Amino acid sequence: MSKESVDVYTFEVSVTIGAGKLPQFTYYEPGNPEPLTKEQTVVDVTGPTIIFYKLINLELAPKGLRFIGAAFKTPFDGVIENTFVNESGDTLVLEDLCKDHGATGFHLLLKTDDNNLIMMSPDPEIINKPK
């Protein structure tokens, strides 16, 4: 029996309210204060992978900011198999078993204590590639 390794990616996500009361999403690599570019937030997957999105800088975010899930443009393409949100809502986990090849776009979904509306992030992307 062989044991497969699992790749892990972690993105820290800071959400602030900018001009015009629009949410501003900034992504970071843990331990690096420089924001990631849009291209750096794309995850190329060649095997089983777990992707974490962790909220940071909550003191600058809307009150009670928390993840509630992820919305997929093509939810039946088989690129992402599962999503989970931890109990406190500060971490969203995507599980990609890399069984199907292709790309999927999605949005991080969040809520705040300010109202009952759902906030949607810009479009990160996961690309499954053959080994």
Protein backbone atom coordinates (compact mmCIF):
# COMPACT_ATOMS: atom_id res chain seq x y z
CA MET A 1 0.00 0.00 0.00
CA SER A 2 1.37 3.46 -0.86
CA LYS A 3 0.81 6.62 1.10
CA GLU A 4 0.02 9.81 -0.88
CA SER A 5 1.26 13.15 0.32
CA VAL A 6 -1.09 16.09 0.63
CA ASP A 7 -0.04 19.60 -0.39
CA VAL A 8 -1.16 22.48 1.84
CA TYR A 9 -1.59 26.11 0.84
CA THR A 10 -2.51 28.85 3.30
CA PHE A 11 -3.70 32.33 2.41
CA GLU A 12 -4.29 35.03 4.99
CA VAL A 13 -7.16 37.32 4.03
CA SER A 14 -7.65 40.87 5.27
CA VAL A 15 -10.98 42.58 4.56
CA THR A 16 -11.43 46.31 5.06
CA ILE A 17 -14.05 48.76 3.88
CA GLY A 18 -12.63 51.22 1.37
CA ALA A 19 -13.89 54.19 -0.58
CA GLY A 20 -17.55 54.03 -1.47
CA LYS A 21 -18.06 51.48 1.33
CA LEU A 22 -16.71 48.72 -0.92
CA PRO A 23 -15.00 45.73 0.70
CA GLN A 24 -11.30 45.48 -0.11
CA PHE A 25 -9.82 41.96 -0.03
CA THR A 26 -6.06 41.63 0.43
CA TYR A 27 -4.32 38.25 0.39
CA TYR A 28 -1.01 37.44 2.11
CA GLU A 29 1.33 34.51 2.49
CA PRO A 30 1.66 33.74 6.23
CA GLY A 31 4.61 35.62 7.71
CA ASN A 32 5.00 37.96 4.72
CA PRO A 33 3.70 41.55 5.10
CA GLU A 34 3.67 42.13 1.32
CA PRO A 35 0.24 41.59 -0.32
CA LEU A 36 0.01 38.89 -2.96
CA THR A 37 -0.82 39.75 -6.56
CA LYS A 38 -3.89 38.24 -8.20
CA GLU A 39 -1.61 35.82 -10.05
CA GLN A 40 -0.05 34.69 -6.76
CA THR A 41 -3.47 33.70 -5.38
CA VAL A 42 -4.01 31.13 -8.14
CA VAL A 43 -3.28 27.62 -6.88
CA ASP A 44 -1.89 25.07 -9.34
CA VAL A 45 -2.69 21.59 -8.05
CA THR A 46 -1.05 18.36 -9.20
CA GLY A 47 -2.12 16.07 -6.34
CA PRO A 48 -4.37 15.99 -3.26
CA THR A 49 -4.39 19.47 -1.75
CA ILE A 50 -5.92 21.33 1.20
CA ILE A 51 -6.25 25.11 0.86
CA PHE A 52 -6.81 27.31 3.92
CA TYR A 53 -8.13 30.88 3.88
CA LYS A 54 -7.64 32.53 7.29
CA LEU A 55 -9.06 35.93 8.27
CA ILE A 56 -6.52 38.37 9.72
CA ASN A 57 -6.57 42.02 10.86
CA LEU A 58 -10.08 41.55 12.24
CA GLU A 59 -9.73 44.78 14.26
CA LEU A 60 -9.78 46.63 10.90
CA ALA A 61 -12.61 44.55 9.41
CA PRO A 62 -16.36 45.03 9.69
CA LYS A 63 -17.67 43.90 13.08
CA GLY A 64 -18.27 40.15 13.35
CA LEU A 65 -16.68 39.31 9.99
CA ARG A 66 -16.70 35.55 9.38
CA PHE A 67 -16.63 33.02 6.56
CA ILE A 68 -19.85 31.20 5.76
CA GLY A 69 -18.60 29.22 2.76
CA ALA A 70 -17.52 29.42 -0.86
CA ALA A 71 -19.64 29.78 -4.02
CA PHE A 72 -18.47 28.09 -7.21
CA LYS A 73 -19.19 29.20 -10.75
CA THR A 74 -19.07 25.55 -11.88
CA PRO A 75 -19.89 23.50 -8.76
CA PHE A 76 -20.17 20.20 -10.63
CA ASP A 77 -16.78 20.25 -12.38
CA GLY A 78 -15.17 18.04 -9.70
CA VAL A 79 -12.17 20.32 -9.12
CA ILE A 80 -13.02 21.01 -5.46
CA GLU A 81 -14.64 18.14 -3.56
CA ASN A 82 -15.45 19.74 -0.18
CA THR A 83 -15.48 23.02 1.70
CA PHE A 84 -15.53 23.53 5.45
CA VAL A 85 -15.74 26.53 7.78
CA ASN A 86 -14.43 26.24 11.33
CA GLU A 87 -16.75 26.99 14.25
CA SER A 88 -15.49 30.55 14.81
CA GLY A 89 -15.78 31.36 11.08
CA ASP A 90 -12.22 32.67 10.77
CA THR A 91 -10.99 29.80 8.57
CA LEU A 92 -12.35 28.39 5.32
CA VAL A 93 -10.93 25.09 4.06
CA LEU A 94 -11.13 23.75 0.50
CA GLU A 95 -10.39 20.08 -0.20
CA ASP A 96 -9.10 19.20 -3.68
CA LEU A 97 -8.42 15.51 -4.27
CA CYS A 98 -7.18 16.34 -7.79
CA LYS A 99 -9.29 13.62 -9.39
CA ASP A 100 -10.46 15.86 -12.25
CA HIS A 101 -8.42 18.27 -14.34
CA GLY A 102 -9.40 21.81 -15.18
CA ALA A 103 -9.89 25.17 -13.51
CA THR A 104 -12.61 26.44 -11.23
CA GLY A 105 -13.42 29.96 -10.13
CA PHE A 106 -15.14 30.72 -6.87
CA HIS A 107 -15.90 33.43 -4.34
CA LEU A 108 -15.29 33.44 -0.61
CA LEU A 109 -18.58 34.17 1.15
CA LEU A 110 -18.63 36.18 4.38
CA LYS A 111 -21.11 37.80 6.75
CA THR A 112 -20.80 40.56 9.33
CA ASP A 113 -22.79 41.71 12.34
CA ASP A 114 -23.62 44.97 10.51
CA ASN A 115 -26.45 43.50 8.41
CA ASN A 116 -27.88 40.23 7.12
CA LEU A 117 -26.27 40.49 3.66
CA ILE A 118 -23.62 38.15 2.28
CA MET A 119 -20.30 39.61 1.13
CA MET A 120 -18.52 38.03 -1.83
CA SER A 121 -14.78 38.18 -2.55
CA PRO A 122 -13.09 38.71 -5.88
CA ASP A 123 -12.51 35.50 -7.81
CA PRO A 124 -9.62 33.26 -6.64
CA GLU A 125 -8.89 30.29 -8.90
CA ILE A 126 -7.82 26.66 -8.51
CA ILE A 127 -6.27 24.84 -11.48
CA ASN A 128 -5.89 21.06 -11.42
CA LYS A 129 -3.10 19.84 -13.68
CA PRO A 130 -1.88 16.34 -14.45
CA LYS A 131 1.38 15.30 -12.78
